[in-house]
């Protein structure tokens, strides 16, 4: 049986880095207002501080398993910054910065890792899901949310990480 393509597509890549991985001032000009850059940086440092505290609590036996988010703050924060309020952020367990940017109170993540079910009772209207622990399950949740948006005739986005 001959093999023939049944679907072809093209995906465009957008970058603000030059071929050497350095920020290109011309490509990145005006993408993020200066005041937002400052707020994003403050948010990342706050998230890093919380992460360090939580990790120390875990190492001292005062909190259950806690996976560090160190070095991964910008990934989920950048995505959360770009999303609209009606879009969904579907996280795994290292996307605290994005969750907090969307409005999830920090204590919810701490409650979750301390085994308190209230940490998974996400306040309405944030459009974030509870933390997914098994690797990859959040992709199914994001797919369902995206299909629901499409079914309703909306242009919503479901952003996930893996």
N, C-alpha and C. Protein backbone atom coordinates (compact mmCIF):
# COMPACT_ATOMS: atom_id res chain seq x y z
N UNK A 1 0.85 -1.17 0.00
CA UNK A 1 0.00 0.00 0.00
C UNK A 1 0.89 1.23 0.00
N UNK A 2 0.72 2.12 -0.97
CA UNK A 2 1.56 3.31 -1.03
C UNK A 2 1.22 4.28 0.10
N UNK A 3 2.22 5.00 0.54
CA UNK A 3 2.04 6.01 1.58
C UNK A 3 1.82 7.36 0.91
N UNK A 4 0.77 8.02 1.31
CA UNK A 4 0.50 9.35 0.77
C UNK A 4 0.13 10.28 1.92
N UNK A 5 0.58 11.52 1.84
CA UNK A 5 0.25 12.46 2.92
C UNK A 5 -1.25 12.77 2.93
N UNK A 6 -1.82 12.84 4.11
CA UNK A 6 -3.23 13.18 4.23
C UNK A 6 -3.43 14.57 4.83
N UNK A 7 -2.35 15.12 5.37
CA UNK A 7 -2.44 16.45 5.96
C UNK A 7 -1.06 17.08 5.97
N UNK A 8 -0.97 18.30 5.53
CA UNK A 8 0.27 19.06 5.60
C UNK A 8 -0.05 20.43 6.17
N UNK A 9 0.88 20.96 6.91
CA UNK A 9 0.67 22.28 7.50
C UNK A 9 2.00 23.01 7.60
N UNK A 10 1.91 24.26 7.91
CA UNK A 10 3.10 25.09 8.09
C UNK A 10 2.94 25.81 9.42
N UNK A 11 3.98 25.81 10.21
CA UNK A 11 3.97 26.52 11.49
C UNK A 11 5.05 27.59 11.44
N UNK A 12 4.64 28.84 11.62
CA UNK A 12 5.59 29.94 11.62
C UNK A 12 6.17 30.11 13.02
N UNK A 13 7.44 30.37 13.09
CA UNK A 13 8.11 30.62 14.36
C UNK A 13 8.38 32.11 14.45
N UNK A 14 8.03 32.68 15.59
CA UNK A 14 8.29 34.10 15.84
C UNK A 14 9.37 34.17 16.91
N UNK A 15 10.38 34.97 16.67
CA UNK A 15 11.46 35.07 17.64
C UNK A 15 11.92 36.52 17.78
N UNK A 16 12.41 36.84 18.96
CA UNK A 16 13.00 38.16 19.17
C UNK A 16 14.49 38.00 19.50
N UNK A 17 14.99 36.81 19.20
CA UNK A 17 16.41 36.53 19.41
C UNK A 17 17.09 36.45 18.05
N UNK A 18 18.34 36.89 18.01
CA UNK A 18 19.09 36.76 16.76
C UNK A 18 19.62 35.33 16.65
N UNK A 19 20.37 35.05 15.60
CA UNK A 19 20.87 33.69 15.36
C UNK A 19 21.83 33.20 16.43
N UNK A 20 22.31 34.09 17.29
CA UNK A 20 23.23 33.72 18.37
C UNK A 20 22.53 33.65 19.73
N UNK A 21 21.20 33.81 19.72
CA UNK A 21 20.44 33.72 20.96
C UNK A 21 20.40 35.01 21.77
N UNK A 22 20.85 36.11 21.18
CA UNK A 22 20.82 37.40 21.88
C UNK A 22 19.55 38.17 21.50
N UNK A 23 19.07 38.97 22.45
CA UNK A 23 17.89 39.78 22.21
C UNK A 23 18.15 40.75 21.07
N UNK A 24 17.26 40.78 20.12
CA UNK A 24 17.37 41.68 18.98
C UNK A 24 16.46 42.88 19.24
N UNK A 25 17.07 44.03 19.50
CA UNK A 25 16.33 45.25 19.84
C UNK A 25 15.29 45.61 18.77
N UNK A 26 15.63 45.39 17.52
CA UNK A 26 14.72 45.75 16.43
C UNK A 26 13.51 44.81 16.41
N UNK A 27 13.76 43.51 16.54
CA UNK A 27 12.66 42.54 16.52
C UNK A 27 11.77 42.66 17.75
N UNK A 28 12.36 43.00 18.89
CA UNK A 28 11.62 43.05 20.14
C UNK A 28 11.08 44.41 20.53
N UNK A 29 11.32 45.41 19.68
CA UNK A 29 10.91 46.77 20.02
C UNK A 29 9.40 46.87 20.24
N UNK A 30 9.02 47.40 21.39
CA UNK A 30 7.62 47.68 21.67
C UNK A 30 6.73 46.49 21.99
N UNK A 31 7.29 45.30 22.10
CA UNK A 31 6.44 44.14 22.38
C UNK A 31 5.85 44.17 23.78
N UNK A 32 6.66 44.57 24.74
CA UNK A 32 6.20 44.63 26.13
C UNK A 32 6.55 46.02 26.67
N UNK A 33 5.54 46.75 27.14
CA UNK A 33 5.83 48.08 27.70
C UNK A 33 6.82 47.98 28.86
N UNK A 34 7.67 49.00 29.00
CA UNK A 34 8.70 49.00 30.05
C UNK A 34 8.12 48.76 31.44
N UNK A 35 6.97 49.39 31.73
CA UNK A 35 6.39 49.21 33.07
C UNK A 35 5.95 47.76 33.30
N UNK A 36 5.53 47.08 32.23
CA UNK A 36 5.16 45.66 32.36
C UNK A 36 6.40 44.80 32.59
N UNK A 37 7.50 45.15 31.94
CA UNK A 37 8.75 44.40 32.15
C UNK A 37 9.14 44.46 33.62
N UNK A 38 9.01 45.63 34.23
CA UNK A 38 9.34 45.78 35.65
C UNK A 38 8.40 44.93 36.50
N UNK A 39 7.09 44.97 36.20
CA UNK A 39 6.12 44.17 36.96
C UNK A 39 6.37 42.67 36.79
N UNK A 40 6.70 42.25 35.58
CA UNK A 40 6.99 40.83 35.33
C UNK A 40 8.23 40.39 36.12
N UNK A 41 9.23 41.25 36.15
CA UNK A 41 10.45 40.92 36.89
C UNK A 41 10.17 40.83 38.40
N UNK A 42 9.41 41.79 38.92
CA UNK A 42 9.04 41.75 40.35
C UNK A 42 8.27 40.46 40.66
N UNK A 43 7.37 40.11 39.76
CA UNK A 43 6.57 38.90 39.95
C UNK A 43 7.47 37.65 39.97
N UNK A 44 8.42 37.60 39.05
CA UNK A 44 9.33 36.45 39.02
C UNK A 44 10.15 36.35 40.29
N UNK A 45 10.63 37.48 40.79
CA UNK A 45 11.44 37.43 42.01
C UNK A 45 10.59 37.04 43.22
N UNK A 46 9.35 37.49 43.26
CA UNK A 46 8.45 37.08 44.34
C UNK A 46 8.20 35.58 44.28
N UNK A 47 7.96 35.08 43.08
CA UNK A 47 7.73 33.64 42.90
C UNK A 47 8.98 32.84 43.28
N UNK A 48 10.13 33.34 42.94
CA UNK A 48 11.38 32.66 43.30
C UNK A 48 11.53 32.61 44.82
N UNK A 49 11.19 33.71 45.49
CA UNK A 49 11.29 33.76 46.95
C UNK A 49 10.33 32.74 47.59
N UNK A 50 9.09 32.69 47.12
CA UNK A 50 8.13 31.71 47.63
C UNK A 50 8.63 30.29 47.38
N UNK A 51 9.18 30.07 46.21
CA UNK A 51 9.71 28.75 45.86
C UNK A 51 10.81 28.32 46.82
N UNK A 52 11.70 29.25 47.15
CA UNK A 52 12.79 28.93 48.08
C UNK A 52 12.24 28.60 49.47
N UNK A 53 11.25 29.35 49.91
CA UNK A 53 10.63 29.08 51.22
C UNK A 53 9.96 27.71 51.22
N UNK A 54 9.18 27.43 50.18
CA UNK A 54 8.47 26.15 50.10
C UNK A 54 9.45 24.98 50.05
N UNK A 55 10.53 25.14 49.31
CA UNK A 55 11.52 24.06 49.22
C UNK A 55 12.17 23.81 50.58
N UNK A 56 12.44 24.88 51.33
CA UNK A 56 13.01 24.72 52.68
C UNK A 56 12.02 24.04 53.61
N UNK A 57 10.74 24.38 53.49
CA UNK A 57 9.71 23.72 54.30
C UNK A 57 9.67 22.23 53.98
N UNK A 58 9.78 21.91 52.71
CA UNK A 58 9.76 20.50 52.31
C UNK A 58 10.99 19.77 52.83
N UNK A 59 12.15 20.37 52.69
CA UNK A 59 13.40 19.74 53.14
C UNK A 59 13.46 19.58 54.66
N UNK A 60 12.75 20.45 55.38
CA UNK A 60 12.76 20.36 56.84
C UNK A 60 11.63 19.46 57.36
N UNK A 61 10.85 18.87 56.45
CA UNK A 61 9.80 17.94 56.86
C UNK A 61 8.50 18.60 57.26
N UNK A 62 8.37 19.90 57.03
CA UNK A 62 7.14 20.60 57.41
C UNK A 62 6.14 20.71 56.27
N UNK A 63 6.50 20.16 55.11
CA UNK A 63 5.60 20.15 53.97
C UNK A 63 5.91 18.90 53.16
N UNK A 64 4.90 18.35 52.49
CA UNK A 64 5.12 17.16 51.69
C UNK A 64 6.00 17.44 50.48
N UNK A 65 6.03 16.52 49.57
CA UNK A 65 6.83 16.66 48.36
C UNK A 65 6.57 18.01 47.71
N UNK A 66 7.63 18.67 47.31
CA UNK A 66 7.49 19.96 46.63
C UNK A 66 8.52 20.03 45.51
N UNK A 67 8.07 20.10 44.26
CA UNK A 67 9.02 20.23 43.15
C UNK A 67 9.42 21.69 42.95
N UNK A 68 10.69 21.95 42.98
CA UNK A 68 11.16 23.33 42.78
C UNK A 68 10.72 23.88 41.43
N UNK A 69 10.48 25.16 41.39
CA UNK A 69 10.15 25.87 40.15
C UNK A 69 11.32 26.72 39.68
N UNK A 70 12.40 26.72 40.43
CA UNK A 70 13.58 27.56 40.15
C UNK A 70 14.01 27.42 38.68
N UNK A 71 14.15 28.57 38.04
CA UNK A 71 14.62 28.60 36.66
C UNK A 71 13.53 28.39 35.63
N UNK A 72 12.31 28.15 36.07
CA UNK A 72 11.22 27.92 35.13
C UNK A 72 10.12 28.98 35.24
N UNK A 73 10.41 30.02 35.99
CA UNK A 73 9.40 31.05 36.23
C UNK A 73 8.97 31.77 34.94
N UNK A 74 9.93 32.09 34.10
CA UNK A 74 9.63 32.91 32.92
C UNK A 74 8.75 32.19 31.90
N UNK A 75 8.86 30.88 31.83
CA UNK A 75 8.08 30.13 30.84
C UNK A 75 6.58 30.32 31.06
N UNK A 76 6.12 29.98 32.26
CA UNK A 76 4.67 30.08 32.50
C UNK A 76 4.23 31.53 32.67
N UNK A 77 5.11 32.36 33.19
CA UNK A 77 4.76 33.77 33.36
C UNK A 77 4.58 34.45 32.00
N UNK A 78 5.48 34.19 31.08
CA UNK A 78 5.35 34.76 29.74
C UNK A 78 4.07 34.32 29.06
N UNK A 79 3.74 33.05 29.22
CA UNK A 79 2.50 32.54 28.62
C UNK A 79 1.29 33.18 29.28
N UNK A 80 1.28 33.24 30.60
CA UNK A 80 0.15 33.83 31.32
C UNK A 80 -0.02 35.30 30.97
N UNK A 81 1.09 36.00 30.81
CA UNK A 81 1.05 37.42 30.44
C UNK A 81 0.39 37.60 29.07
N UNK A 82 0.66 36.69 28.16
CA UNK A 82 0.15 36.82 26.79
C UNK A 82 -1.31 36.39 26.66
N UNK A 83 -1.82 35.61 27.60
CA UNK A 83 -3.19 35.12 27.49
C UNK A 83 -4.21 36.21 27.83
N UNK A 84 -5.38 36.07 27.24
CA UNK A 84 -6.50 36.95 27.56
C UNK A 84 -7.24 36.39 28.78
N UNK A 85 -8.04 37.19 29.45
CA UNK A 85 -8.74 36.71 30.66
C UNK A 85 -9.60 35.46 30.43
N UNK A 86 -10.20 35.32 29.25
CA UNK A 86 -11.06 34.16 28.98
C UNK A 86 -10.30 32.93 28.52
N UNK A 87 -9.01 33.06 28.27
CA UNK A 87 -8.19 31.91 27.88
C UNK A 87 -7.90 31.06 29.12
N UNK A 88 -7.41 29.85 28.89
CA UNK A 88 -7.13 28.92 29.99
C UNK A 88 -5.64 28.67 30.12
N UNK A 89 -5.18 28.60 31.36
CA UNK A 89 -3.82 28.19 31.68
C UNK A 89 -3.93 26.84 32.38
N UNK A 90 -3.43 25.81 31.71
CA UNK A 90 -3.55 24.43 32.19
C UNK A 90 -2.15 23.96 32.57
N UNK A 91 -1.90 23.90 33.87
CA UNK A 91 -0.54 23.69 34.34
C UNK A 91 -0.26 22.27 34.79
N UNK A 92 1.01 22.02 34.94
CA UNK A 92 1.50 20.79 35.56
C UNK A 92 1.86 21.19 36.99
N UNK A 93 3.08 21.01 37.41
CA UNK A 93 3.44 21.35 38.79
C UNK A 93 4.61 22.31 38.90
N UNK A 94 5.07 22.87 37.81
CA UNK A 94 6.18 23.83 37.88
C UNK A 94 5.82 25.17 37.24
N UNK A 95 4.56 25.50 37.23
CA UNK A 95 4.12 26.73 36.59
C UNK A 95 3.49 27.71 37.58
N UNK A 96 4.02 27.75 38.79
CA UNK A 96 3.45 28.64 39.81
C UNK A 96 3.40 30.09 39.37
N UNK A 97 4.43 30.57 38.71
CA UNK A 97 4.47 32.00 38.33
C UNK A 97 3.29 32.36 37.44
N UNK A 98 2.95 31.49 36.51
CA UNK A 98 1.80 31.74 35.65
C UNK A 98 0.48 31.70 36.41
N UNK A 99 0.37 30.74 37.33
CA UNK A 99 -0.85 30.64 38.14
C UNK A 99 -1.05 31.90 38.97
N UNK A 100 0.03 32.36 39.59
CA UNK A 100 -0.08 33.55 40.44
C UNK A 100 -0.38 34.80 39.61
N UNK A 101 0.19 34.89 38.40
CA UNK A 101 -0.07 36.03 37.53
C UNK A 101 -1.55 36.07 37.16
N UNK A 102 -2.15 34.91 36.97
CA UNK A 102 -3.58 34.83 36.62
C UNK A 102 -4.48 35.13 37.82
N UNK A 103 -3.89 35.25 39.01
CA UNK A 103 -4.67 35.63 40.18
C UNK A 103 -4.84 34.56 41.24
N UNK A 104 -4.27 33.38 41.04
CA UNK A 104 -4.38 32.35 42.07
C UNK A 104 -3.59 32.78 43.30
N UNK A 105 -4.23 32.86 44.46
CA UNK A 105 -3.49 33.23 45.66
C UNK A 105 -2.38 32.20 45.96
N UNK A 106 -1.24 32.68 46.38
CA UNK A 106 -0.09 31.80 46.62
C UNK A 106 -0.38 30.70 47.63
N UNK A 107 -1.24 30.99 48.59
CA UNK A 107 -1.50 29.98 49.61
C UNK A 107 -2.15 28.72 49.03
N UNK A 108 -2.80 28.83 47.88
CA UNK A 108 -3.43 27.65 47.28
C UNK A 108 -2.38 26.61 46.89
N UNK A 109 -1.27 27.05 46.35
CA UNK A 109 -0.20 26.11 45.98
C UNK A 109 0.39 25.48 47.24
N UNK A 110 0.59 26.28 48.27
CA UNK A 110 1.13 25.73 49.52
C UNK A 110 0.14 24.75 50.15
N UNK A 111 -1.15 25.09 50.15
CA UNK A 111 -2.15 24.16 50.68
C UNK A 111 -2.12 22.84 49.91
N UNK A 112 -2.03 22.93 48.59
CA UNK A 112 -1.99 21.73 47.76
C UNK A 112 -0.85 20.81 48.19
N UNK A 113 0.35 21.37 48.30
CA UNK A 113 1.53 20.55 48.62
C UNK A 113 1.56 20.12 50.08
N UNK A 114 0.72 20.73 50.90
CA UNK A 114 0.62 20.29 52.30
C UNK A 114 -0.51 19.28 52.47
N UNK A 115 -1.13 18.88 51.36
CA UNK A 115 -2.16 17.85 51.40
C UNK A 115 -3.54 18.35 51.76
N UNK A 116 -3.76 19.64 51.69
CA UNK A 116 -5.06 20.22 52.03
C UNK A 116 -5.86 20.40 50.74
N UNK A 117 -7.02 19.75 50.68
CA UNK A 117 -7.82 19.78 49.45
C UNK A 117 -8.27 21.18 49.05
N UNK A 118 -8.27 22.11 49.98
CA UNK A 118 -8.66 23.48 49.62
C UNK A 118 -7.70 24.10 48.61
N UNK A 119 -6.50 23.56 48.51
CA UNK A 119 -5.55 24.05 47.52
C UNK A 119 -5.96 23.75 46.09
N UNK A 120 -6.91 22.84 45.92
CA UNK A 120 -7.39 22.50 44.58
C UNK A 120 -8.76 23.10 44.28
N UNK A 121 -9.28 23.90 45.16
CA UNK A 121 -10.57 24.55 44.94
C UNK A 121 -10.31 25.94 44.36
N UNK A 122 -10.04 25.95 43.08
CA UNK A 122 -9.64 27.18 42.38
C UNK A 122 -10.79 28.19 42.38
N UNK A 123 -10.52 29.44 42.75
CA UNK A 123 -11.57 30.47 42.69
C UNK A 123 -12.10 30.62 41.26
N UNK A 124 -13.39 30.83 41.15
CA UNK A 124 -14.02 30.97 39.85
C UNK A 124 -13.50 32.19 39.10
N UNK A 125 -13.44 32.08 37.79
CA UNK A 125 -13.09 33.21 36.95
C UNK A 125 -11.61 33.36 36.64
N UNK A 126 -10.76 32.53 37.24
CA UNK A 126 -9.32 32.64 36.97
C UNK A 126 -8.92 31.90 35.70
N UNK A 127 -9.72 30.94 35.30
CA UNK A 127 -9.43 30.11 34.13
C UNK A 127 -8.06 29.44 34.22
N UNK A 128 -7.82 28.84 35.37
CA UNK A 128 -6.66 27.97 35.57
C UNK A 128 -7.18 26.67 36.16
N UNK A 129 -6.45 25.60 35.93
CA UNK A 129 -6.85 24.30 36.46
C UNK A 129 -6.00 23.96 37.68
N UNK A 130 -6.49 23.03 38.51
CA UNK A 130 -5.64 22.57 39.61
C UNK A 130 -4.37 21.94 39.07
N UNK A 131 -3.35 21.86 39.91
CA UNK A 131 -2.08 21.28 39.50
C UNK A 131 -2.27 19.84 39.04
N UNK A 132 -1.68 19.49 37.92
CA UNK A 132 -1.68 18.11 37.43
C UNK A 132 -0.35 17.50 37.83
N UNK A 133 -0.39 16.40 38.54
CA UNK A 133 0.84 15.77 39.01
C UNK A 133 1.35 14.72 38.02
N UNK A 134 0.51 13.78 37.55
CA UNK A 134 1.05 12.82 36.57
C UNK A 134 1.46 13.56 35.30
N UNK A 135 2.64 13.30 34.83
CA UNK A 135 3.16 14.02 33.67
C UNK A 135 2.32 13.71 32.43
N UNK A 136 1.86 14.74 31.79
CA UNK A 136 1.13 14.62 30.53
C UNK A 136 -0.37 14.70 30.63
N UNK A 137 -0.95 14.50 31.81
CA UNK A 137 -2.41 14.50 31.90
C UNK A 137 -3.00 15.87 31.59
N UNK A 138 -2.25 16.92 31.84
CA UNK A 138 -2.77 18.27 31.61
C UNK A 138 -3.01 18.54 30.13
N UNK A 139 -2.35 17.79 29.25
CA UNK A 139 -2.56 18.00 27.82
C UNK A 139 -3.98 17.61 27.42
N UNK A 140 -4.52 16.57 28.05
CA UNK A 140 -5.90 16.16 27.77
C UNK A 140 -6.89 17.21 28.27
N UNK A 141 -6.61 17.77 29.43
CA UNK A 141 -7.48 18.82 29.96
C UNK A 141 -7.48 20.03 29.04
N UNK A 142 -6.30 20.42 28.59
CA UNK A 142 -6.20 21.58 27.68
C UNK A 142 -6.92 21.31 26.37
N UNK A 143 -6.78 20.10 25.86
CA UNK A 143 -7.47 19.74 24.61
C UNK A 143 -8.98 19.86 24.78
N UNK A 144 -9.50 19.35 25.89
CA UNK A 144 -10.94 19.43 26.15
C UNK A 144 -11.42 20.87 26.27
N UNK A 145 -10.65 21.70 26.95
CA UNK A 145 -11.03 23.11 27.09
C UNK A 145 -11.00 23.82 25.73
N UNK A 146 -10.01 23.51 24.91
CA UNK A 146 -9.92 24.13 23.58
C UNK A 146 -11.08 23.68 22.69
N UNK A 147 -11.39 22.40 22.73
CA UNK A 147 -12.52 21.90 21.94
C UNK A 147 -13.84 22.51 22.41
N UNK A 148 -14.00 22.68 23.70
CA UNK A 148 -15.22 23.30 24.23
C UNK A 148 -15.35 24.73 23.70
N UNK A 149 -14.24 25.45 23.67
CA UNK A 149 -14.25 26.81 23.15
C UNK A 149 -14.64 26.82 21.67
N UNK A 150 -14.04 25.91 20.93
CA UNK A 150 -14.34 25.83 19.50
C UNK A 150 -15.81 25.45 19.28
N UNK A 151 -16.30 24.50 20.05
CA UNK A 151 -17.69 24.05 19.94
C UNK A 151 -18.67 25.20 20.17
N UNK A 152 -18.32 26.07 21.11
CA UNK A 152 -19.19 27.22 21.43
C UNK A 152 -19.03 28.37 20.44
N UNK A 153 -18.12 28.23 19.49
CA UNK A 153 -17.89 29.30 18.52
C UNK A 153 -17.02 30.42 19.06
N UNK A 154 -16.29 30.14 20.13
CA UNK A 154 -15.40 31.13 20.74
C UNK A 154 -13.99 30.96 20.18
N UNK A 155 -13.15 31.94 20.42
CA UNK A 155 -11.77 31.85 19.93
C UNK A 155 -10.78 31.68 21.09
N UNK A 156 -11.21 30.98 22.13
CA UNK A 156 -10.38 30.80 23.31
C UNK A 156 -9.15 29.95 23.08
N UNK A 157 -8.18 30.18 23.92
CA UNK A 157 -6.91 29.45 23.87
C UNK A 157 -6.78 28.65 25.16
N UNK A 158 -6.26 27.45 25.06
CA UNK A 158 -5.91 26.65 26.24
C UNK A 158 -4.41 26.40 26.14
N UNK A 159 -3.67 27.01 27.03
CA UNK A 159 -2.20 26.92 27.02
C UNK A 159 -1.76 25.91 28.07
N UNK A 160 -0.91 24.97 27.68
CA UNK A 160 -0.40 23.99 28.63
C UNK A 160 1.10 23.81 28.47
N UNK A 161 1.68 23.05 29.34
CA UNK A 161 3.14 22.87 29.40
C UNK A 161 3.44 21.39 29.57
N UNK A 162 4.52 20.95 28.95
CA UNK A 162 4.97 19.56 29.18
C UNK A 162 6.43 19.46 28.84
